[in-house]
N, C-alpha and C. Protein backbone atom coordinates (compact mmCIF):
# COMPACT_ATOMS: atom_id res chain seq x y z
N MET A 1 115.65 167.43 115.41
CA MET A 1 116.28 166.28 114.78
C MET A 1 117.56 166.74 114.11
N ASP A 2 118.59 165.97 114.30
CA ASP A 2 119.88 166.26 113.68
C ASP A 2 119.86 165.70 112.25
N GLN A 3 119.70 166.59 111.28
CA GLN A 3 119.56 166.18 109.87
C GLN A 3 120.77 165.40 109.38
N ASP A 4 121.97 165.83 109.74
CA ASP A 4 123.17 165.14 109.28
C ASP A 4 123.20 163.70 109.80
N LYS A 5 122.84 163.51 111.07
CA LYS A 5 122.82 162.15 111.62
C LYS A 5 121.70 161.31 111.00
N CYS A 6 120.58 161.95 110.69
CA CYS A 6 119.48 161.25 110.05
C CYS A 6 119.89 160.76 108.66
N ILE A 7 120.50 161.63 107.89
CA ILE A 7 120.96 161.27 106.55
C ILE A 7 121.99 160.15 106.62
N ALA A 8 122.93 160.27 107.57
CA ALA A 8 123.97 159.24 107.72
C ALA A 8 123.35 157.89 108.10
N LEU A 9 122.37 157.90 109.00
CA LEU A 9 121.71 156.66 109.40
C LEU A 9 120.98 156.03 108.22
N LYS A 10 120.26 156.85 107.46
CA LYS A 10 119.53 156.33 106.30
C LYS A 10 120.50 155.73 105.29
N ARG A 11 121.62 156.38 105.06
CA ARG A 11 122.61 155.83 104.12
C ARG A 11 123.17 154.51 104.63
N GLU A 12 123.46 154.45 105.92
CA GLU A 12 123.98 153.22 106.52
C GLU A 12 122.97 152.08 106.39
N LEU A 13 121.71 152.37 106.67
CA LEU A 13 120.68 151.35 106.61
C LEU A 13 120.39 150.89 105.19
N GLN A 14 120.57 151.79 104.22
CA GLN A 14 120.33 151.42 102.82
C GLN A 14 121.26 150.31 102.35
N THR A 15 122.38 150.14 103.01
CA THR A 15 123.33 149.10 102.60
C THR A 15 122.92 147.72 103.12
N GLN A 16 121.92 147.68 104.01
CA GLN A 16 121.47 146.41 104.59
C GLN A 16 120.29 145.84 103.81
N ALA A 17 120.21 144.53 103.78
CA ALA A 17 119.02 143.88 103.26
C ALA A 17 117.89 144.07 104.27
N GLU A 18 116.66 144.00 103.81
CA GLU A 18 115.53 144.10 104.72
C GLU A 18 115.33 142.78 105.44
N PRO A 19 114.89 142.77 106.67
CA PRO A 19 114.62 143.94 107.49
C PRO A 19 115.92 144.54 108.02
N GLN A 20 115.97 145.85 107.98
CA GLN A 20 117.16 146.55 108.45
C GLN A 20 117.13 146.63 109.97
N VAL A 21 118.30 146.51 110.57
CA VAL A 21 118.43 146.46 112.03
C VAL A 21 119.52 147.44 112.45
N VAL A 22 119.27 148.14 113.55
CA VAL A 22 120.26 149.09 114.06
C VAL A 22 120.27 149.03 115.59
N PRO A 23 121.45 149.08 116.20
CA PRO A 23 121.49 149.16 117.66
C PRO A 23 120.72 150.39 118.14
N LEU A 24 120.05 150.25 119.28
CA LEU A 24 119.19 151.33 119.77
C LEU A 24 119.93 152.62 120.04
N ASP A 25 121.17 152.55 120.52
CA ASP A 25 121.89 153.80 120.78
C ASP A 25 122.10 154.56 119.47
N ARG A 26 122.34 153.87 118.38
CA ARG A 26 122.50 154.50 117.06
C ARG A 26 121.17 155.04 116.57
N PHE A 27 120.08 154.30 116.79
CA PHE A 27 118.75 154.73 116.37
C PHE A 27 118.37 156.05 117.03
N PHE A 28 118.72 156.21 118.30
CA PHE A 28 118.31 157.41 119.03
C PHE A 28 119.31 158.57 118.92
N ASP A 29 120.49 158.36 118.39
CA ASP A 29 121.50 159.41 118.30
C ASP A 29 121.06 160.50 117.33
N GLY A 30 120.62 161.63 117.86
CA GLY A 30 120.15 162.75 117.05
C GLY A 30 118.66 162.71 116.75
N ASN A 31 117.96 161.72 117.28
CA ASN A 31 116.54 161.50 116.97
C ASN A 31 115.65 162.14 118.02
N ASP A 32 114.79 163.06 117.58
CA ASP A 32 113.73 163.58 118.45
C ASP A 32 112.37 163.50 117.75
N ASP A 33 112.28 162.67 116.71
CA ASP A 33 111.09 162.53 115.89
C ASP A 33 110.11 161.56 116.54
N GLU A 34 109.00 162.07 117.09
CA GLU A 34 108.01 161.22 117.75
C GLU A 34 107.36 160.25 116.78
N GLY A 35 107.45 160.52 115.48
CA GLY A 35 106.90 159.60 114.49
C GLY A 35 107.79 158.40 114.24
N SER A 36 108.97 158.36 114.86
CA SER A 36 109.92 157.28 114.59
C SER A 36 109.67 156.02 115.43
N ILE A 37 108.95 156.15 116.52
CA ILE A 37 108.68 155.01 117.41
C ILE A 37 107.47 155.34 118.28
N GLY A 38 106.59 154.35 118.44
CA GLY A 38 105.43 154.54 119.30
C GLY A 38 104.46 155.59 118.80
N CYS A 39 104.38 155.78 117.49
CA CYS A 39 103.56 156.87 116.96
C CYS A 39 102.06 156.64 117.15
N ASN A 40 101.66 155.42 117.55
CA ASN A 40 100.25 155.14 117.80
C ASN A 40 99.81 155.60 119.19
N LEU A 41 100.75 155.98 120.03
CA LEU A 41 100.42 156.34 121.41
C LEU A 41 99.95 157.78 121.50
N VAL A 42 98.77 157.97 122.13
CA VAL A 42 98.22 159.30 122.32
C VAL A 42 97.84 159.42 123.79
N PRO A 43 98.47 160.34 124.51
CA PRO A 43 99.57 161.19 124.06
C PRO A 43 100.87 160.37 123.95
N HIS A 44 101.73 160.84 123.08
CA HIS A 44 103.02 160.19 122.91
C HIS A 44 103.88 160.48 124.15
N PRO A 45 104.53 159.46 124.72
CA PRO A 45 105.32 159.69 125.93
C PRO A 45 106.62 160.46 125.69
N GLY A 46 107.00 160.63 124.42
CA GLY A 46 108.20 161.39 124.09
C GLY A 46 109.38 160.49 123.77
N VAL A 47 110.18 160.93 122.83
CA VAL A 47 111.37 160.17 122.43
C VAL A 47 112.34 160.00 123.60
N PRO A 48 112.55 161.02 124.45
CA PRO A 48 113.47 160.82 125.58
C PRO A 48 113.07 159.66 126.50
N LEU A 49 111.77 159.47 126.74
CA LEU A 49 111.34 158.36 127.59
C LEU A 49 111.59 157.02 126.88
N PHE A 50 111.30 156.96 125.58
CA PHE A 50 111.62 155.74 124.83
C PHE A 50 113.11 155.45 124.91
N ARG A 51 113.92 156.46 124.62
CA ARG A 51 115.38 156.29 124.63
C ARG A 51 115.87 155.83 125.99
N ASP A 52 115.50 156.55 127.03
CA ASP A 52 116.00 156.24 128.37
C ASP A 52 115.53 154.86 128.86
N THR A 53 114.28 154.53 128.58
CA THR A 53 113.74 153.24 129.02
C THR A 53 114.39 152.09 128.27
N LEU A 54 114.45 152.20 126.94
CA LEU A 54 115.01 151.10 126.13
C LEU A 54 116.51 150.95 126.35
N LEU A 55 117.24 152.04 126.38
CA LEU A 55 118.68 151.93 126.61
C LEU A 55 118.98 151.54 128.05
N GLY A 56 118.08 151.88 128.96
CA GLY A 56 118.23 151.47 130.36
C GLY A 56 118.18 149.96 130.53
N LEU A 57 117.56 149.27 129.57
CA LEU A 57 117.53 147.80 129.63
C LEU A 57 118.93 147.21 129.60
N LEU A 58 119.87 147.93 129.00
CA LEU A 58 121.24 147.44 128.90
C LEU A 58 121.93 147.31 130.26
N GLN A 59 121.34 147.92 131.29
CA GLN A 59 121.89 147.81 132.64
C GLN A 59 121.49 146.50 133.32
N ARG A 60 120.54 145.80 132.72
CA ARG A 60 120.06 144.55 133.30
C ARG A 60 121.03 143.41 132.99
N PRO A 61 121.24 142.49 133.93
CA PRO A 61 122.13 141.35 133.66
C PRO A 61 121.56 140.36 132.64
N ASP A 62 120.24 140.40 132.41
CA ASP A 62 119.61 139.47 131.47
C ASP A 62 119.42 140.06 130.08
N VAL A 63 120.05 141.22 129.82
CA VAL A 63 119.97 141.88 128.51
C VAL A 63 121.38 142.12 128.00
N THR A 64 121.65 141.68 126.77
CA THR A 64 122.98 141.87 126.18
C THR A 64 123.01 142.95 125.12
N ALA A 65 121.86 143.24 124.48
CA ALA A 65 121.80 144.27 123.44
C ALA A 65 120.34 144.58 123.14
N VAL A 66 120.11 145.77 122.56
CA VAL A 66 118.77 146.17 122.15
C VAL A 66 118.87 146.76 120.75
N TYR A 67 117.99 146.32 119.86
CA TYR A 67 118.01 146.73 118.46
C TYR A 67 116.65 147.25 118.01
N ALA A 68 116.67 148.18 117.07
CA ALA A 68 115.46 148.62 116.38
C ALA A 68 115.39 147.89 115.05
N LEU A 69 114.25 147.30 114.74
CA LEU A 69 114.00 146.71 113.44
C LEU A 69 113.27 147.77 112.63
N ILE A 70 113.88 148.23 111.58
CA ILE A 70 113.36 149.35 110.81
C ILE A 70 112.20 148.89 109.92
N SER A 71 111.04 149.51 110.11
CA SER A 71 109.85 149.18 109.33
C SER A 71 109.75 150.03 108.07
N GLU A 72 110.21 151.27 108.18
CA GLU A 72 110.16 152.19 107.05
C GLU A 72 111.41 153.06 107.10
N LEU A 73 112.26 152.88 106.11
CA LEU A 73 113.55 153.57 106.10
C LEU A 73 113.41 155.08 105.93
N ASP A 74 112.57 155.49 105.01
CA ASP A 74 112.49 156.91 104.66
C ASP A 74 111.04 157.34 104.56
N PRO A 75 110.34 157.45 105.71
CA PRO A 75 108.93 157.81 105.66
C PRO A 75 108.68 159.19 105.07
N ASP A 76 109.67 160.08 105.16
CA ASP A 76 109.56 161.44 104.63
C ASP A 76 110.95 162.05 104.70
N ASP A 77 111.21 163.02 103.86
CA ASP A 77 112.53 163.66 103.86
C ASP A 77 112.89 164.24 105.23
N ASP A 78 111.89 164.71 105.94
CA ASP A 78 112.13 165.33 107.23
C ASP A 78 111.81 164.40 108.40
N SER A 79 111.85 163.10 108.14
CA SER A 79 111.51 162.13 109.18
C SER A 79 112.66 161.16 109.43
N TRP A 80 112.74 160.74 110.66
CA TRP A 80 113.70 159.71 111.05
C TRP A 80 113.17 158.36 110.57
N PRO A 81 114.03 157.37 110.33
CA PRO A 81 113.52 156.03 110.02
C PRO A 81 112.56 155.56 111.11
N PHE A 82 111.56 154.77 110.70
CA PHE A 82 110.49 154.34 111.59
C PHE A 82 110.68 152.89 112.02
N THR A 83 110.49 152.63 113.32
CA THR A 83 110.46 151.27 113.84
C THR A 83 109.17 151.05 114.61
N ASP A 84 108.62 149.85 114.45
CA ASP A 84 107.50 149.46 115.30
C ASP A 84 107.86 148.28 116.19
N THR A 85 109.12 147.80 116.05
CA THR A 85 109.56 146.62 116.79
C THR A 85 110.97 146.80 117.31
N VAL A 86 111.17 146.45 118.57
CA VAL A 86 112.52 146.38 119.11
C VAL A 86 112.80 144.94 119.51
N LEU A 87 114.05 144.54 119.33
CA LEU A 87 114.52 143.22 119.73
C LEU A 87 115.44 143.39 120.92
N VAL A 88 115.11 142.74 122.01
CA VAL A 88 115.92 142.78 123.22
C VAL A 88 116.62 141.43 123.32
N ALA A 89 117.92 141.43 123.11
CA ALA A 89 118.71 140.20 123.13
C ALA A 89 119.10 139.85 124.55
N GLY A 90 119.07 138.57 124.85
CA GLY A 90 119.46 138.09 126.17
C GLY A 90 118.48 137.07 126.68
N THR A 91 118.53 136.85 127.98
CA THR A 91 117.68 135.84 128.60
C THR A 91 116.46 136.44 129.28
N ILE A 92 116.22 137.73 129.09
CA ILE A 92 115.04 138.37 129.68
C ILE A 92 113.78 137.65 129.22
N GLN A 93 112.83 137.52 130.12
CA GLN A 93 111.56 136.86 129.83
C GLN A 93 110.54 137.91 129.38
N PRO A 94 109.56 137.51 128.56
CA PRO A 94 108.56 138.46 128.08
C PRO A 94 107.84 139.20 129.21
N GLU A 95 107.53 138.51 130.29
CA GLU A 95 106.83 139.15 131.41
C GLU A 95 107.69 140.26 132.02
N ALA A 96 108.97 140.01 132.16
CA ALA A 96 109.88 141.01 132.72
C ALA A 96 110.02 142.20 131.78
N LEU A 97 110.07 141.94 130.48
CA LEU A 97 110.17 143.04 129.52
C LEU A 97 108.88 143.85 129.49
N THR A 98 107.75 143.18 129.56
CA THR A 98 106.46 143.90 129.60
C THR A 98 106.44 144.85 130.79
N GLU A 99 106.89 144.39 131.93
CA GLU A 99 106.92 145.24 133.13
C GLU A 99 107.90 146.39 132.95
N ALA A 100 109.08 146.11 132.41
CA ALA A 100 110.10 147.15 132.25
C ALA A 100 109.66 148.22 131.26
N LEU A 101 108.82 147.85 130.29
CA LEU A 101 108.38 148.79 129.25
C LEU A 101 106.98 149.33 129.50
N SER A 102 106.43 149.14 130.67
CA SER A 102 105.04 149.51 130.92
C SER A 102 104.73 150.97 130.60
N ALA A 103 105.65 151.88 130.85
CA ALA A 103 105.42 153.30 130.55
C ALA A 103 105.34 153.56 129.05
N LEU A 104 105.88 152.64 128.25
CA LEU A 104 105.89 152.80 126.79
C LEU A 104 104.71 152.09 126.13
N GLN A 105 103.95 151.35 126.87
CA GLN A 105 102.72 150.70 126.42
C GLN A 105 102.86 149.90 125.13
N PRO A 106 103.79 148.94 125.06
CA PRO A 106 103.85 148.13 123.84
C PRO A 106 102.56 147.32 123.68
N ASP A 107 102.18 147.09 122.42
CA ASP A 107 100.97 146.33 122.14
C ASP A 107 101.19 144.83 122.28
N TYR A 108 102.43 144.40 122.10
CA TYR A 108 102.70 142.96 122.09
C TYR A 108 104.15 142.74 122.49
N VAL A 109 104.37 141.80 123.40
CA VAL A 109 105.72 141.40 123.82
C VAL A 109 105.76 139.88 123.82
N ALA A 110 106.76 139.31 123.14
CA ALA A 110 106.85 137.85 123.06
C ALA A 110 108.27 137.43 122.71
N PHE A 111 108.56 136.14 122.95
CA PHE A 111 109.85 135.61 122.51
C PHE A 111 109.99 135.80 121.01
N ALA A 112 111.18 136.16 120.57
CA ALA A 112 111.47 136.28 119.15
C ALA A 112 111.70 134.89 118.57
N ASP A 113 111.31 134.70 117.34
CA ASP A 113 111.53 133.43 116.65
C ASP A 113 113.02 133.29 116.37
N PRO A 114 113.68 132.24 116.88
CA PRO A 114 115.13 132.09 116.68
C PRO A 114 115.54 132.07 115.20
N ASP A 115 114.70 131.49 114.34
CA ASP A 115 115.01 131.47 112.91
C ASP A 115 115.00 132.89 112.33
N GLU A 116 114.03 133.69 112.75
CA GLU A 116 113.96 135.07 112.27
C GLU A 116 115.13 135.89 112.80
N ILE A 117 115.51 135.67 114.05
CA ILE A 117 116.67 136.38 114.61
C ILE A 117 117.90 136.07 113.78
N GLY A 118 118.08 134.80 113.43
CA GLY A 118 119.25 134.39 112.66
C GLY A 118 119.31 135.04 111.29
N GLN A 119 118.16 135.39 110.72
CA GLN A 119 118.11 136.01 109.40
C GLN A 119 118.42 137.50 109.43
N LEU A 120 118.53 138.09 110.61
CA LEU A 120 118.75 139.53 110.71
C LEU A 120 120.19 139.93 110.41
N GLY A 121 121.11 139.00 110.49
CA GLY A 121 122.50 139.31 110.19
C GLY A 121 123.20 140.13 111.25
N ILE A 122 122.72 140.06 112.48
CA ILE A 122 123.33 140.81 113.58
C ILE A 122 124.66 140.16 113.96
N GLU A 123 125.68 141.00 114.14
CA GLU A 123 127.00 140.52 114.59
C GLU A 123 127.35 141.21 115.89
N PRO A 124 127.76 140.48 116.92
CA PRO A 124 127.79 139.02 116.99
C PRO A 124 126.36 138.48 116.97
N PRO A 125 126.18 137.23 116.53
CA PRO A 125 124.85 136.66 116.40
C PRO A 125 124.07 136.66 117.71
N VAL A 126 122.79 136.93 117.61
CA VAL A 126 121.88 136.88 118.76
C VAL A 126 121.26 135.49 118.78
N VAL A 127 121.31 134.84 119.92
CA VAL A 127 120.78 133.48 120.05
C VAL A 127 119.35 133.50 120.58
N GLN A 128 119.08 134.40 121.51
CA GLN A 128 117.78 134.44 122.16
C GLN A 128 117.37 135.88 122.36
N GLY A 129 116.07 136.15 122.27
CA GLY A 129 115.61 137.50 122.49
C GLY A 129 114.10 137.58 122.61
N VAL A 130 113.65 138.77 122.96
CA VAL A 130 112.24 139.08 123.10
C VAL A 130 111.98 140.33 122.27
N THR A 131 110.84 140.34 121.57
CA THR A 131 110.49 141.53 120.81
C THR A 131 109.35 142.27 121.49
N ALA A 132 109.37 143.58 121.34
CA ALA A 132 108.26 144.43 121.77
C ALA A 132 107.79 145.17 120.53
N TRP A 133 106.47 145.25 120.36
CA TRP A 133 105.89 145.81 119.15
C TRP A 133 104.83 146.84 119.50
N TRP A 134 104.83 147.93 118.74
CA TRP A 134 103.82 148.97 118.86
C TRP A 134 103.05 149.01 117.55
N ASP A 135 101.72 148.95 117.63
CA ASP A 135 100.87 148.94 116.44
C ASP A 135 100.89 150.30 115.75
């Protein structure tokens, strides 16, 4: 884990109201902490598979952006911020996202509540999306 990038990310996120949101490329930049995402999976598929699979969604025509919703900003001094939910913005359907994320075994995939999306303060605003959640 790149400590400098971790500290910088935590500082950046501290300026946001909860729930804190970060683009997935920023979330994974310097992150190799398996406790940061999918920590309920045994065996854990690895941060590189999460990164490559989730960022690979950006190649789809029905995906405009992917974000991590931060559940715990500072789980430990030596830990990356923790997310249990990703928001995939665009017109992708839950069934298609479930299939695309099958190797990551999300516990729940569903349309995001438009009112909740609007409260995230994402710029430019996200109109439609699907969330994937790991317990």
